Amino acid sequence: MAQVRKKSLIKVDNVWISNPSKMTINYQDVSSEDSGRTLDAQMHKNKIAEKVMINLSWSGTDKAVTKEVLQSFRPEYFMVEYDDPIEGIRVTKEFYCGDKSAPVLRVINGSSIFETVSFDIIER
């Protein structure tokens, strides 16, 4: 894997990776199975946990950066360090990855340039 600068937005399994072009942090409430609306239309959310989902995308990447990013998120589960807006500090949590996409934008001198590399990571 390519050597990456000492600091970036995100660290995966203790390795700094190239900065994404876009990183959106979402918070998802997990409700108990008995959640829902009762006959009087009152919602009973019964929140049991909150999980983080991070949308990541890199734009215009070459083969080396694309490979670095995709391989970093290849394991079934991995530890991610990032700045958490709610906590106000850098945190490390365990995540897994959703489906990955890497459409080719063009080929220059026989080498692919990718329009975007994008996927979601979801807290375990």
PDB file of N, CA and C in Angstrom:
ATOM      1  N   MET A   1       0.839  -1.183   0.000  1.00  0.00           N
ATOM      2  CA  MET A   1       0.000   0.000   0.000  1.00  0.00           C
ATOM      3  C   MET A   1       0.882   1.244   0.000  1.00  0.00           C
ATOM      4  N   ALA A   2       0.487   2.251  -0.706  1.00  0.00           N
ATOM      5  CA  ALA A   2       1.267   3.481  -0.821  1.00  0.00           C
ATOM      6  C   ALA A   2       1.412   4.175   0.528  1.00  0.00           C
ATOM      7  N   GLN A   3       2.554   4.820   0.711  1.00  0.00           N
ATOM      8  CA  GLN A   3       2.751   5.608   1.925  1.00  0.00           C
ATOM      9  C   GLN A   3       1.895   6.862   1.812  1.00  0.00           C
ATOM     10  N   VAL A   4       1.126   7.138   2.831  1.00  0.00           N
ATOM     11  CA  VAL A   4       0.214   8.281   2.812  1.00  0.00           C
ATOM     12  C   VAL A   4       0.646   9.266   3.881  1.00  0.00           C
ATOM     13  N   ARG A   5       0.362  10.528   3.640  1.00  0.00           N
ATOM     14  CA  ARG A   5       0.740  11.575   4.585  1.00  0.00           C
ATOM     15  C   ARG A   5       0.350  11.230   6.017  1.00  0.00           C
ATOM     16  N   LYS A   6       1.010  11.874   6.946  1.00  0.00           N
ATOM     17  CA  LYS A   6       0.820  11.535   8.357  1.00  0.00           C
ATOM     18  C   LYS A   6      -0.602  11.782   8.841  1.00  0.00           C
ATOM     19  N   LYS A   7      -1.254  12.783   8.333  1.00  0.00           N
ATOM     20  CA  LYS A   7      -2.603  13.108   8.801  1.00  0.00           C
ATOM     21  C   LYS A   7      -3.561  13.205   7.632  1.00  0.00           C
ATOM     22  N   SER A   8      -4.723  12.642   7.785  1.00  0.00           N
ATOM     23  CA  SER A   8      -5.789  12.795   6.804  1.00  0.00           C
ATOM     24  C   SER A   8      -7.111  12.736   7.553  1.00  0.00           C
ATOM     25  N   LEU A   9      -8.200  12.806   6.841  1.00  0.00           N
ATOM     26  CA  LEU A   9      -9.509  12.791   7.488  1.00  0.00           C
ATOM     27  C   LEU A   9      -9.820  11.461   8.155  1.00  0.00           C
ATOM     28  N   ILE A  10      -9.229  10.388   7.633  1.00  0.00           N
ATOM     29  CA  ILE A  10      -9.648   9.069   8.079  1.00  0.00           C
ATOM     30  C   ILE A  10      -8.457   8.113   8.153  1.00  0.00           C
ATOM     31  N   LYS A  11      -8.500   7.274   9.160  1.00  0.00           N
ATOM     32  CA  LYS A  11      -7.465   6.270   9.387  1.00  0.00           C
ATOM     33  C   LYS A  11      -8.178   4.920   9.465  1.00  0.00           C
ATOM     34  N   VAL A  12      -7.687   3.915   8.726  1.00  0.00           N
ATOM     35  CA  VAL A  12      -8.324   2.605   8.699  1.00  0.00           C
ATOM     36  C   VAL A  12      -7.323   1.563   9.183  1.00  0.00           C
ATOM     37  N   ASP A  13      -7.723   0.813  10.219  1.00  0.00           N
ATOM     38  CA  ASP A  13      -6.838  -0.182  10.823  1.00  0.00           C
ATOM     39  C   ASP A  13      -5.446   0.391  11.070  1.00  0.00           C
ATOM     40  N   ASN A  14      -5.455   1.600  11.642  1.00  0.00           N
ATOM     41  CA  ASN A  14      -4.241   2.296  12.072  1.00  0.00           C
ATOM     42  C   ASN A  14      -3.349   2.784  10.924  1.00  0.00           C
ATOM     43  N   VAL A  15      -3.898   2.882   9.706  1.00  0.00           N
ATOM     44  CA  VAL A  15      -3.151   3.376   8.553  1.00  0.00           C
ATOM     45  C   VAL A  15      -3.881   4.587   7.973  1.00  0.00           C
ATOM     46  N   TRP A  16      -3.160   5.714   7.814  1.00  0.00           N
ATOM     47  CA  TRP A  16      -3.755   6.895   7.195  1.00  0.00           C
ATOM     48  C   TRP A  16      -3.994   6.593   5.716  1.00  0.00           C
ATOM     49  N   ILE A  17      -5.167   6.948   5.219  1.00  0.00           N
ATOM     50  CA  ILE A  17      -5.448   6.745   3.797  1.00  0.00           C
ATOM     51  C   ILE A  17      -5.657   8.105   3.126  1.00  0.00           C
ATOM     52  N   SER A  18      -5.610   8.116   1.814  1.00  0.00           N
ATOM     53  CA  SER A  18      -5.801   9.364   1.062  1.00  0.00           C
ATOM     54  C   SER A  18      -7.113  10.028   1.453  1.00  0.00           C
ATOM     55  N   ASN A  19      -7.069  11.348   1.545  1.00  0.00           N
ATOM     56  CA  ASN A  19      -8.276  12.087   1.907  1.00  0.00           C
ATOM     57  C   ASN A  19      -9.380  11.885   0.887  1.00  0.00           C
ATOM     58  N   PRO A  20     -10.586  11.590   1.353  1.00  0.00           N
ATOM     59  CA  PRO A  20     -11.709  11.525   0.420  1.00  0.00           C
ATOM     60  C   PRO A  20     -12.058  12.924  -0.082  1.00  0.00           C
ATOM     61  N   SER A  21     -12.662  12.987  -1.263  1.00  0.00           N
ATOM     62  CA  SER A  21     -13.147  14.256  -1.798  1.00  0.00           C
ATOM     63  C   SER A  21     -14.376  14.718  -1.026  1.00  0.00           C
ATOM     64  N   LYS A  22     -15.135  13.732  -0.545  1.00  0.00           N
ATOM     65  CA  LYS A  22     -16.345  14.034   0.218  1.00  0.00           C
ATOM     66  C   LYS A  22     -16.529  12.982   1.301  1.00  0.00           C
ATOM     67  N   MET A  23     -16.875  13.442   2.486  1.00  0.00           N
ATOM     68  CA  MET A  23     -17.101  12.554   3.629  1.00  0.00           C
ATOM     69  C   MET A  23     -18.293  13.105   4.410  1.00  0.00           C
ATOM     70  N   THR A  24     -19.374  12.340   4.448  1.00  0.00           N
ATOM     71  CA  THR A  24     -20.582  12.776   5.149  1.00  0.00           C
ATOM     72  C   THR A  24     -20.867  11.800   6.275  1.00  0.00           C
ATOM     73  N   ILE A  25     -20.964  12.335   7.485  1.00  0.00           N
ATOM     74  CA  ILE A  25     -21.224  11.503   8.663  1.00  0.00           C
ATOM     75  C   ILE A  25     -22.706  11.564   8.987  1.00  0.00           C
ATOM     76  N   ASN A  26     -23.332  10.392   9.053  1.00  0.00           N
ATOM     77  CA  ASN A  26     -24.760  10.268   9.351  1.00  0.00           C
ATOM     78  C   ASN A  26     -24.931   9.484  10.646  1.00  0.00           C
ATOM     79  N   TYR A  27     -25.962   9.808  11.384  1.00  0.00           N
ATOM     80  CA  TYR A  27     -26.281   9.087  12.616  1.00  0.00           C
ATOM     81  C   TYR A  27     -27.614   8.379  12.424  1.00  0.00           C
ATOM     82  N   GLN A  28     -27.631   7.086  12.689  1.00  0.00           N
ATOM     83  CA  GLN A  28     -28.835   6.288  12.504  1.00  0.00           C
ATOM     84  C   GLN A  28     -29.315   5.755  13.844  1.00  0.00           C
ATOM     85  N   ASP A  29     -30.577   5.982  14.144  1.00  0.00           N
ATOM     86  CA  ASP A  29     -31.164   5.406  15.348  1.00  0.00           C
ATOM     87  C   ASP A  29     -31.566   3.965  15.070  1.00  0.00           C
ATOM     88  N   VAL A  30     -31.288   3.098  16.025  1.00  0.00           N
ATOM     89  CA  VAL A  30     -31.723   1.709  15.951  1.00  0.00           C
ATOM     90  C   VAL A  30     -32.841   1.555  16.983  1.00  0.00           C
ATOM     91  N   SER A  31     -34.006   1.133  16.509  1.00  0.00           N
ATOM     92  CA  SER A  31     -35.167   0.993  17.393  1.00  0.00           C
ATOM     93  C   SER A  31     -35.421  -0.476  17.692  1.00  0.00           C
ATOM     94  N   SER A  32     -36.070  -0.727  18.829  1.00  0.00           N
ATOM     95  CA  SER A  32     -36.382  -2.105  19.203  1.00  0.00           C
ATOM     96  C   SER A  32     -37.437  -2.666  18.242  1.00  0.00           C
ATOM     97  N   GLU A  33     -37.567  -3.988  18.235  1.00  0.00           N
ATOM     98  CA  GLU A  33     -38.500  -4.621  17.302  1.00  0.00           C
ATOM     99  C   GLU A  33     -39.962  -4.309  17.612  1.00  0.00           C
ATOM    100  N   ASP A  34     -40.255  -3.847  18.834  1.00  0.00           N
ATOM    101  CA  ASP A  34     -41.644  -3.508  19.163  1.00  0.00           C
ATOM    102  C   ASP A  34     -41.944  -2.020  18.927  1.00  0.00           C
ATOM    103  N   SER A  35     -41.090  -1.347  18.192  1.00  0.00           N
ATOM    104  CA  SER A  35     -41.320   0.054  17.838  1.00  0.00           C
ATOM    105  C   SER A  35     -42.390   0.147  16.758  1.00  0.00           C
ATOM    106  N   GLY A  36     -43.002   1.312  16.680  1.00  0.00           N
ATOM    107  CA  GLY A  36     -43.997   1.542  15.638  1.00  0.00           C
ATOM    108  C   GLY A  36     -45.152   2.385  16.151  1.00  0.00           C
ATOM    109  N   ARG A  37     -46.147   2.560  15.325  1.00  0.00           N
ATOM    110  CA  ARG A  37     -47.321   3.365  15.699  1.00  0.00           C
ATOM    111  C   ARG A  37     -48.398   2.472  16.307  1.00  0.00           C
ATOM    112  N   THR A  38     -49.009   2.996  17.326  1.00  0.00           N
ATOM    113  CA  THR A  38     -50.139   2.304  17.930  1.00  0.00           C
ATOM    114  C   THR A  38     -51.423   2.746  17.223  1.00  0.00           C
ATOM    115  N   LEU A  39     -52.549   2.155  17.590  1.00  0.00           N
ATOM    116  CA  LEU A  39     -53.814   2.465  16.926  1.00  0.00           C
ATOM    117  C   LEU A  39     -54.237   3.925  17.045  1.00  0.00           C
ATOM    118  N   ASP A  40     -53.718   4.633  18.051  1.00  0.00           N
ATOM    119  CA  ASP A  40     -54.034   6.056  18.184  1.00  0.00           C
ATOM    120  C   ASP A  40     -53.062   6.930  17.377  1.00  0.00           C
ATOM    121  N   ALA A  41     -52.248   6.310  16.524  1.00  0.00           N
ATOM    122  CA  ALA A  41     -51.286   6.963  15.624  1.00  0.00           C
ATOM    123  C   ALA A  41     -50.094   7.570  16.363  1.00  0.00           C
ATOM    124  N   GLN A  42     -49.916   7.221  17.609  1.00  0.00           N
ATOM    125  CA  GLN A  42     -48.770   7.700  18.394  1.00  0.00           C
ATOM    126  C   GLN A  42     -47.546   6.838  18.059  1.00  0.00           C
ATOM    127  N   MET A  43     -46.430   7.484  17.766  1.00  0.00           N
ATOM    128  CA  MET A  43     -45.204   6.757  17.442  1.00  0.00           C
ATOM    129  C   MET A  43     -44.463   6.386  18.716  1.00  0.00           C
ATOM    130  N   HIS A  44     -44.032   5.139  18.796  1.00  0.00           N
ATOM    131  CA  HIS A  44     -43.228   4.635  19.909  1.00  0.00           C
ATOM    132  C   HIS A  44     -41.914   4.148  19.301  1.00  0.00           C
ATOM    133  N   LYS A  45     -40.904   5.016  19.339  1.00  0.00           N
ATOM    134  CA  LYS A  45     -39.645   4.753  18.656  1.00  0.00           C
ATOM    135  C   LYS A  45     -38.796   3.709  19.382  1.00  0.00           C
ATOM    136  N   ASN A  46     -38.766   3.758  20.692  1.00  0.00           N
ATOM    137  CA  ASN A  46     -38.020   2.796  21.515  1.00  0.00           C
ATOM    138  C   ASN A  46     -36.576   2.632  21.042  1.00  0.00           C
ATOM    139  N   LYS A  47     -35.866   3.763  20.982  1.00  0.00           N
ATOM    140  CA  LYS A  47     -34.474   3.774  20.538  1.00  0.00           C
ATOM    141  C   LYS A  47     -33.613   2.937  21.476  1.00  0.00           C
ATOM    142  N   ILE A  48     -32.855   2.004  20.902  1.00  0.00           N
ATOM    143  CA  ILE A  48     -31.982   1.165  21.729  1.00  0.00           C
ATOM    144  C   ILE A  48     -30.503   1.435  21.464  1.00  0.00           C
ATOM    145  N   ALA A  49     -30.204   2.093  20.332  1.00  0.00           N
ATOM    146  CA  ALA A  49     -28.810   2.411  20.020  1.00  0.00           C
ATOM    147  C   ALA A  49     -28.755   3.465  18.927  1.00  0.00           C
ATOM    148  N   GLU A  50     -27.581   4.050  18.781  1.00  0.00           N
ATOM    149  CA  GLU A  50     -27.311   4.977  17.688  1.00  0.00           C
ATOM    150  C   GLU A  50     -26.045   4.493  16.990  1.00  0.00           C
ATOM    151  N   LYS A  51     -26.083   4.388  15.675  1.00  0.00           N
ATOM    152  CA  LYS A  51     -24.935   3.923  14.902  1.00  0.00           C
ATOM    153  C   LYS A  51     -24.549   4.991  13.889  1.00  0.00           C
ATOM    154  N   VAL A  52     -23.283   4.975  13.509  1.00  0.00           N
ATOM    155  CA  VAL A  52     -22.749   5.934  12.551  1.00  0.00           C
ATOM    156  C   VAL A  52     -22.645   5.278  11.179  1.00  0.00           C
ATOM    157  N   MET A  53     -23.060   6.009  10.153  1.00  0.00           N
ATOM    158  CA  MET A  53     -22.822   5.602   8.777  1.00  0.00           C
ATOM    159  C   MET A  53     -22.083   6.755   8.113  1.00  0.00           C
ATOM    160  N   ILE A  54     -20.966   6.448   7.454  1.00  0.00           N
ATOM    161  CA  ILE A  54     -20.169   7.474   6.795  1.00  0.00           C
ATOM    162  C   ILE A  54     -20.175   7.215   5.295  1.00  0.00           C
ATOM    163  N   ASN A  55     -20.637   8.224   4.530  1.00  0.00           N
ATOM    164  CA  ASN A  55     -20.593   8.166   3.067  1.00  0.00           C
ATOM    165  C   ASN A  55     -19.228   8.717   2.643  1.00  0.00           C
ATOM    166  N   LEU A  56     -18.484   7.930   1.876  1.00  0.00           N
ATOM    167  CA  LEU A  56     -17.151   8.328   1.432  1.00  0.00           C
ATOM    168  C   LEU A  56     -17.084   8.324  -0.086  1.00  0.00           C
ATOM    169  N   SER A  57     -16.383   9.314  -0.661  1.00  0.00           N
ATOM    170  CA  SER A  57     -16.139   9.288  -2.103  1.00  0.00           C
ATOM    171  C   SER A  57     -14.841  10.022  -2.418  1.00  0.00           C
ATOM    172  N   TRP A  58     -14.151   9.488  -3.407  1.00  0.00           N
ATOM    173  CA  TRP A  58     -12.910  10.061  -3.919  1.00  0.00           C
ATOM    174  C   TRP A  58     -13.153  10.340  -5.392  1.00  0.00           C
ATOM    175  N   SER A  59     -12.796  11.510  -5.874  1.00  0.00           N
ATOM    176  CA  SER A  59     -13.037  11.884  -7.269  1.00  0.00           C
ATOM    177  C   SER A  59     -11.741  11.903  -8.066  1.00  0.00           C
ATOM    178  N   GLY A  60     -11.817  11.432  -9.318  1.00  0.00           N
ATOM    179  CA  GLY A  60     -10.697  11.514 -10.240  1.00  0.00           C
ATOM    180  C   GLY A  60      -9.445  10.793  -9.789  1.00  0.00           C
ATOM    181  N   THR A  61      -9.602   9.609  -9.229  1.00  0.00           N
ATOM    182  CA  THR A  61      -8.451   8.884  -8.695  1.00  0.00           C
ATOM    183  C   THR A  61      -7.750   8.061  -9.772  1.00  0.00           C
ATOM    184  N   ASP A  62      -6.433   7.924  -9.600  1.00  0.00           N
ATOM    185  CA  ASP A  62      -5.675   7.057 -10.497  1.00  0.00           C
ATOM    186  C   ASP A  62      -5.698   5.632  -9.948  1.00  0.00           C
ATOM    187  N   LYS A  63      -5.014   4.725 -10.635  1.00  0.00           N
ATOM    188  CA  LYS A  63      -5.024   3.316 -10.231  1.00  0.00           C
ATOM    189  C   LYS A  63      -4.470   3.118  -8.826  1.00  0.00           C
ATOM    190  N   ALA A  64      -3.401   3.831  -8.484  1.00  0.00           N
ATOM    191  CA  ALA A  64      -2.748   3.640  -7.182  1.00  0.00           C
ATOM    192  C   ALA A  64      -3.658   4.041  -6.027  1.00  0.00           C
ATOM    193  N   VAL A  65      -4.286   5.213  -6.126  1.00  0.00           N
ATOM    194  CA  VAL A  65      -5.175   5.676  -5.041  1.00  0.00           C
ATOM    195  C   VAL A  65      -6.420   4.800  -4.982  1.00  0.00           C
ATOM    196  N   THR A  66      -6.968   4.443  -6.141  1.00  0.00           N
ATOM    197  CA  THR A  66      -8.152   3.578  -6.175  1.00  0.00           C
ATOM    198  C   THR A  66      -7.861   2.249  -5.490  1.00  0.00           C
ATOM    199  N   LYS A  67      -6.726   1.666  -5.812  1.00  0.00           N
ATOM    200  CA  LYS A  67      -6.328   0.402  -5.185  1.00  0.00           C
ATOM    201  C   LYS A  67      -6.150   0.570  -3.678  1.00  0.00           C
ATOM    202  N   GLU A  68      -5.467   1.628  -3.269  1.00  0.00           N
ATOM    203  CA  GLU A  68      -5.248   1.890  -1.838  1.00  0.00           C
ATOM    204  C   GLU A  68      -6.569   1.966  -1.085  1.00  0.00           C
ATOM    205  N   VAL A  69      -7.491   2.749  -1.617  1.00  0.00           N
ATOM    206  CA  VAL A  69      -8.779   2.949  -0.949  1.00  0.00           C
ATOM    207  C   VAL A  69      -9.569   1.638  -0.895  1.00  0.00           C
ATOM    208  N   LEU A  70      -9.719   0.978  -2.030  1.00  0.00           N
ATOM    209  CA  LEU A  70     -10.530  -0.243  -2.061  1.00  0.00           C
ATOM    210  C   LEU A  70      -9.935  -1.350  -1.199  1.00  0.00           C
ATOM    211  N   GLN A  71      -8.625  -1.481  -1.185  1.00  0.00           N
ATOM    212  CA  GLN A  71      -8.008  -2.516  -0.352  1.00  0.00           C
ATOM    213  C   GLN A  71      -8.107  -2.187   1.135  1.00  0.00           C
ATOM    214  N   SER A  72      -8.082  -0.904   1.483  1.00  0.00           N
ATOM    215  CA  SER A  72      -8.191  -0.511   2.896  1.00  0.00           C
ATOM    216  C   SER A  72      -9.525  -0.916   3.506  1.00  0.00           C
ATOM    217  N   PHE A  73     -10.571  -0.917   2.685  1.00  0.00           N
ATOM    218  CA  PHE A  73     -11.912  -1.216   3.175  1.00  0.00           C
ATOM    219  C   PHE A  73     -12.368  -2.620   2.763  1.00  0.00           C
ATOM    220  N   ARG A  74     -11.440  -3.472   2.399  1.00  0.00           N
ATOM    221  CA  ARG A  74     -11.766  -4.812   1.912  1.00  0.00           C
ATOM    222  C   ARG A  74     -12.086  -5.829   3.008  1.00  0.00           C
ATOM    223  N   PRO A  75     -11.452  -5.746   4.201  1.00  0.00           N
ATOM    224  CA  PRO A  75     -11.768  -6.743   5.240  1.00  0.00           C
ATOM    225  C   PRO A  75     -13.253  -6.695   5.630  1.00  0.00           C
ATOM    226  N   GLU A  76     -13.720  -7.766   6.216  1.00  0.00           N
ATOM    227  CA  GLU A  76     -15.124  -7.828   6.634  1.00  0.00           C
ATOM    228  C   GLU A  76     -15.442  -6.738   7.659  1.00  0.00           C
ATOM    229  N   TYR A  77     -14.545  -6.558   8.624  1.00  0.00           N
ATOM    230  CA  TYR A  77     -14.684  -5.511   9.643  1.00  0.00           C
ATOM    231  C   TYR A  77     -13.335  -4.821   9.778  1.00  0.00           C
ATOM    232  N   PHE A  78     -13.355  -3.534  10.143  1.00  0.00           N
ATOM    233  CA  PHE A  78     -12.122  -2.769  10.283  1.00  0.00           C
ATOM    234  C   PHE A  78     -12.365  -1.617  11.261  1.00  0.00           C
ATOM    235  N   MET A  79     -11.292  -1.135  11.855  1.00  0.00           N
ATOM    236  CA  MET A  79     -11.358  -0.017  12.780  1.00  0.00           C
ATOM    237  C   MET A  79     -11.126   1.283  12.011  1.00  0.00           C
ATOM    238  N   VAL A  80     -11.949   2.293  12.281  1.00  0.00           N
ATOM    239  CA  VAL A  80     -11.841   3.574  11.596  1.00  0.00           C
ATOM    240  C   VAL A  80     -11.703   4.685  12.637  1.00  0.00           C
ATOM    241  N   GLU A  81     -10.712   5.547  12.413  1.00  0.00           N
ATOM    242  CA  GLU A  81     -10.525   6.729  13.255  1.00  0.00           C
ATOM    243  C   GLU A  81     -10.937   7.946  12.433  1.00  0.00           C
ATOM    244  N   TYR A  82     -11.769   8.797  13.006  1.00  0.00           N
ATOM    245  CA  TYR A  82     -12.274   9.977  12.302  1.00  0.00           C
ATOM    246  C   TYR A  82     -12.721  11.008  13.331  1.00  0.00           C
ATOM    247  N   ASP A  83     -12.946  12.248  12.881  1.00  0.00           N
ATOM    248  CA  ASP A  83     -13.463  13.300  13.759  1.00  0.00           C
ATOM    249  C   ASP A  83     -14.974  13.159  13.849  1.00  0.00           C
ATOM    250  N   ASP A  84     -15.469  12.920  15.062  1.00  0.00           N
ATOM    251  CA  ASP A  84     -16.907  12.751  15.261  1.00  0.00           C
ATOM    252  C   ASP A  84     -17.521  14.084  15.690  1.00  0.00           C
ATOM    253  N   PRO A  85     -18.450  14.637  14.903  1.00  0.00           N
ATOM    254  CA  PRO A  85     -19.054  15.931  15.233  1.00  0.00           C
ATOM    255  C   PRO A  85     -19.817  15.948  16.553  1.00  0.00           C
ATOM    256  N   ILE A  86     -20.471  14.850  16.914  1.00  0.00           N
ATOM    257  CA  ILE A  86     -21.223  14.821  18.173  1.00  0.00           C
ATOM    258  C   ILE A  86     -20.279  14.783  19.368  1.00  0.00           C
ATOM    259  N   GLU A  87     -19.235  13.953  19.284  1.00  0.00           N
ATOM    260  CA  GLU A  87     -18.274  13.829  20.388  1.00  0.00           C
ATOM    261  C   GLU A  87     -17.330  15.031  20.459  1.00  0.00           C
ATOM    262  N   GLY A  88     -17.068  15.658  19.307  1.00  0.00           N
ATOM    263  CA  GLY A  88     -16.160  16.795  19.265  1.00  0.00           C
ATOM    264  C   GLY A  88     -14.688  16.388  19.345  1.00  0.00           C
ATOM    265  N   ILE A  89     -14.389  15.121  19.148  1.00  0.00           N
ATOM    266  CA  ILE A  89     -13.016  14.601  19.207  1.00  0.00           C
ATOM    267  C   ILE A  89     -12.850  13.517  18.140  1.00  0.00           C
ATOM    268  N   ARG A  90     -11.590  13.091  17.946  1.00  0.00           N
ATOM    269  CA  ARG A  90     -11.350  11.926  17.084  1.00  0.00           C
ATOM    270  C   ARG A  90     -11.732  10.682  17.858  1.00  0.00           C
ATOM    271  N   VAL A  91     -12.449   9.791  17.195  1.00  0.00           N
ATOM    272  CA  VAL A  91     -12.873   8.543  17.814  1.00  0.00           C
ATOM    273  C   VAL A  91     -12.471   7.379  16.915  1.00  0.00           C
ATOM    274  N   THR A  92     -12.427   6.196  17.482  1.00  0.00           N
ATOM    275  CA  THR A  92     -12.158   4.980  16.727  1.00  0.00           C
ATOM    276  C   THR A  92     -13.297   4.007  16.989  1.00  0.00           C
ATOM    277  N   LYS A  93     -13.920   3.534  15.902  1.00  0.00           N
ATOM    278  CA  LYS A  93     -15.036   2.601  16.008  1.00  0.00           C
ATOM    279  C   LYS A  93     -14.867   1.514  14.958  1.00  0.00           C
ATOM    280  N   GLU A  94     -15.559   0.382  15.181  1.00  0.00           N
ATOM    281  CA  GLU A  94     -15.504  -0.721  14.240  1.00  0.00           C
ATOM    282  C   GLU A  94     -16.615  -0.569  13.200  1.00  0.00           C
ATOM    283  N   PHE A  95     -16.254  -0.748  11.936  1.00  0.00           N
ATOM    284  CA  PHE A  95     -17.186  -0.581  10.825  1.00  0.00           C
ATOM    285  C   PHE A  95     -17.134  -1.786   9.894  1.00  0.00           C
ATOM    286  N   TYR A  96     -18.123  -1.862   9.014  1.00  0.00           N
ATOM    287  CA  TYR A  96     -18.098  -2.756   7.860  1.00  0.00           C
ATOM    288  C   TYR A  96     -18.478  -1.907   6.655  1.00  0.00           C
ATOM    289  N   CYS A  97     -18.261  -2.448   5.456  1.00  0.00           N
ATOM    290  CA  CYS A  97     -18.445  -1.658   4.242  1.00  0.00           C
ATOM    291  C   CYS A  97     -19.640  -2.140   3.439  1.00  0.00           C
ATOM    292  N   GLY A  98     -20.359  -1.187   2.855  1.00  0.00           N
ATOM    293  CA  GLY A  98     -21.428  -1.505   1.914  1.00  0.00           C
ATOM    294  C   GLY A  98     -20.832  -1.761   0.535  1.00  0.00           C
ATOM    295  N   ASP A  99     -21.662  -1.820  -0.475  1.00  0.00           N
ATOM    296  CA  ASP A  99     -21.207  -2.059  -1.849  1.00  0.00           C
ATOM    297  C   ASP A  99     -20.327  -0.906  -2.316  1.00  0.00           C
ATOM    298  N   LYS A 100     -19.268  -1.252  -3.044  1.00  0.00           N
ATOM    299  CA  LYS A 100     -18.315  -0.262  -3.550  1.00  0.00           C
ATOM    300  C   LYS A 100     -18.548  -0.027  -5.035  1.00  0.00           C
ATOM    301  N   SER A 101     -18.273   1.207  -5.483  1.00  0.00           N
ATOM    302  CA  SER A 101     -18.423   1.568  -6.886  1.00  0.00           C
ATOM    303  C   SER A 101     -17.191   2.341  -7.336  1.00  0.00           C
ATOM    304  N   ALA A 102     -16.703   2.024  -8.553  1.00  0.00           N
ATOM    305  CA  ALA A 102     -15.536   2.722  -9.105  1.00  0.00           C
ATOM    306  C   ALA A 102     -15.670   2.834 -10.624  1.00  0.00           C
ATOM    307  N   PRO A 103     -16.581   3.683 -11.123  1.00  0.00           N
ATOM    308  CA  PRO A 103     -16.729   3.826 -12.568  1.00  0.00           C
ATOM    309  C   PRO A 103     -15.510   4.511 -13.192  1.00  0.00           C
ATOM    310  N   VAL A 104     -15.096   4.007 -14.363  1.00  0.00           N
ATOM    311  CA  VAL A 104     -13.957   4.575 -15.079  1.00  0.00           C
ATOM    312  C   VAL A 104     -14.401   5.847 -15.797  1.00  0.00           C
ATOM    313  N   LEU A 105     -13.619   6.911 -15.635  1.00  0.00           N
ATOM    314  CA  LEU A 105     -13.906   8.183 -16.299  1.00  0.00           C
ATOM    315  C   LEU A 105     -13.274   8.210 -17.686  1.00  0.00           C
ATOM    316  N   ARG A 106     -11.987   7.860 -17.737  1.00  0.00           N
ATOM    317  CA  ARG A 106     -11.270   7.840 -19.010  1.00  0.00           C
ATOM    318  C   ARG A 106      -9.975   7.055 -18.841  1.00  0.00           C
ATOM    319  N   VAL A 107      -9.344   6.779 -19.969  1.00  0.00           N
ATOM    320  CA  VAL A 107      -8.050   6.101 -19.967  1.00  0.00           C
ATOM    321  C   VAL A 107      -7.038   7.048 -20.594  1.00  0.00           C
ATOM    322  N   ILE A 108      -5.936   7.287 -19.878  1.00  0.00           N
ATOM    323  CA  ILE A 108      -4.876   8.163 -20.370  1.00  0.00           C
ATOM    324  C   ILE A 108      -3.597   7.351 -20.444  1.00  0.00           C
ATOM    325  N   ASN A 109      -3.023   7.270 -21.627  1.00  0.00           N
ATOM    326  CA  ASN A 109      -1.788   6.497 -21.842  1.00  0.00           C
ATOM    327  C   ASN A 109      -1.912   5.076 -21.288  1.00  0.00           C
ATOM    328  N   GLY A 110      -3.065   4.466 -21.505  1.00  0.00           N
ATOM    329  CA  GLY A 110      -3.269   3.090 -21.075  1.00  0.00           C
ATOM    330  C   GLY A 110      -3.573   2.917 -19.598  1.00  0.00           C
ATOM    331  N   SER A 111      -3.727   4.001 -18.868  1.00  0.00           N
ATOM    332  CA  SER A 111      -3.987   3.917 -17.431  1.00  0.00           C
ATOM    333  C   SER A 111      -5.355   4.525 -17.104  1.00  0.00           C
ATOM    334  N   SER A 112      -6.158   3.800 -16.351  1.00  0.00           N
ATOM    335  CA  SER A 112      -7.513   4.254 -16.011  1.00  0.00           C
ATOM    336  C   SER A 112      -7.502   5.374 -14.982  1.00  0.00           C
ATOM    337  N   ILE A 113      -8.378   6.338 -15.199  1.00  0.00           N
ATOM    338  CA  ILE A 113      -8.689   7.371 -14.207  1.00  0.00           C
ATOM    339  C   ILE A 113     -10.145   7.125 -13.842  1.00  0.00           C
ATOM    340  N   PHE A 114     -10.420   7.040 -12.547  1.00  0.00           N
ATOM    341  CA  PHE A 114     -11.760   6.707 -12.081  1.00  0.00           C
ATOM    342  C   PHE A 114     -12.547   7.969 -11.757  1.00  0.00           C
ATOM    343  N   GLU A 115     -13.770   8.011 -12.245  1.00  0.00           N
ATOM    344  CA  GLU A 115     -14.648   9.161 -12.000  1.00  0.00           C
ATOM    345  C   GLU A 115     -14.812   9.366 -10.501  1.00  0.00           C
ATOM    346  N   THR A 116     -15.215   8.316  -9.824  1.00  0.00           N
ATOM    347  CA  THR A 116     -15.346   8.336  -8.368  1.00  0.00           C
ATOM    348  C   THR A 116     -15.091   6.930  -7.839  1.00  0.00           C
ATOM    349  N   VAL A 117     -14.690   6.888  -6.608  1.00  0.00           N
ATOM    350  CA  VAL A 117     -14.686   5.644  -5.833  1.00  0.00           C
ATOM    351  C   VAL A 117     -15.583   5.981  -4.658  1.00  0.00           C
ATOM    352  N   SER A 118     -16.665   5.230  -4.474  1.00  0.00           N
ATOM    353  CA  SER A 118     -17.602   5.617  -3.422  1.00  0.00           C
ATOM    354  C   SER A 118     -18.256   4.411  -2.766  1.00  0.00           C
ATOM    355  N   PHE A 119     -18.589   4.587  -1.490  1.00  0.00           N
ATOM    356  CA  PHE A 119     -19.268   3.563  -0.717  1.00  0.00           C
ATOM    357  C   PHE A 119     -19.600   4.126   0.656  1.00  0.00           C
ATOM    358  N   ASP A 120     -20.412   3.382   1.381  1.00  0.00           N
ATOM    359  CA  ASP A 120     -20.760   3.717   2.762  1.00  0.00           C
ATOM    360  C   ASP A 120     -20.053   2.750   3.680  1.00  0.00           C
ATOM    361  N   ILE A 121     -19.622   3.254   4.829  1.00  0.00           N
ATOM    362  CA  ILE A 121     -19.176   2.364   5.899  1.00  0.00           C
ATOM    363  C   ILE A 121     -20.160   2.539   7.049  1.00  0.00           C
ATOM    364  N   ILE A 122     -20.484   1.432   7.705  1.00  0.00           N
ATOM    365  CA  ILE A 122     -21.520   1.424   8.722  1.00  0.00           C
ATOM    366  C   ILE A 122     -20.952   0.868  10.016  1.00  0.00           C
ATOM    367  N   GLU A 123     -21.218   1.568  11.114  1.00  0.00           N
ATOM    368  CA  GLU A 123     -20.725   1.091  12.414  1.00  0.00           C
ATOM    369  C   GLU A 123     -21.328  -0.265  12.722  1.00  0.00           C
ATOM    370  N   ARG A 124     -20.474  -1.162  13.203  1.00  0.00           N
ATOM    371  CA  ARG A 124     -20.911  -2.529  13.501  1.00  0.00           C
ATOM    372  C   ARG A 124     -21.862  -2.573  14.683  1.00  0.00           C
TER     373      ARG A 124
END
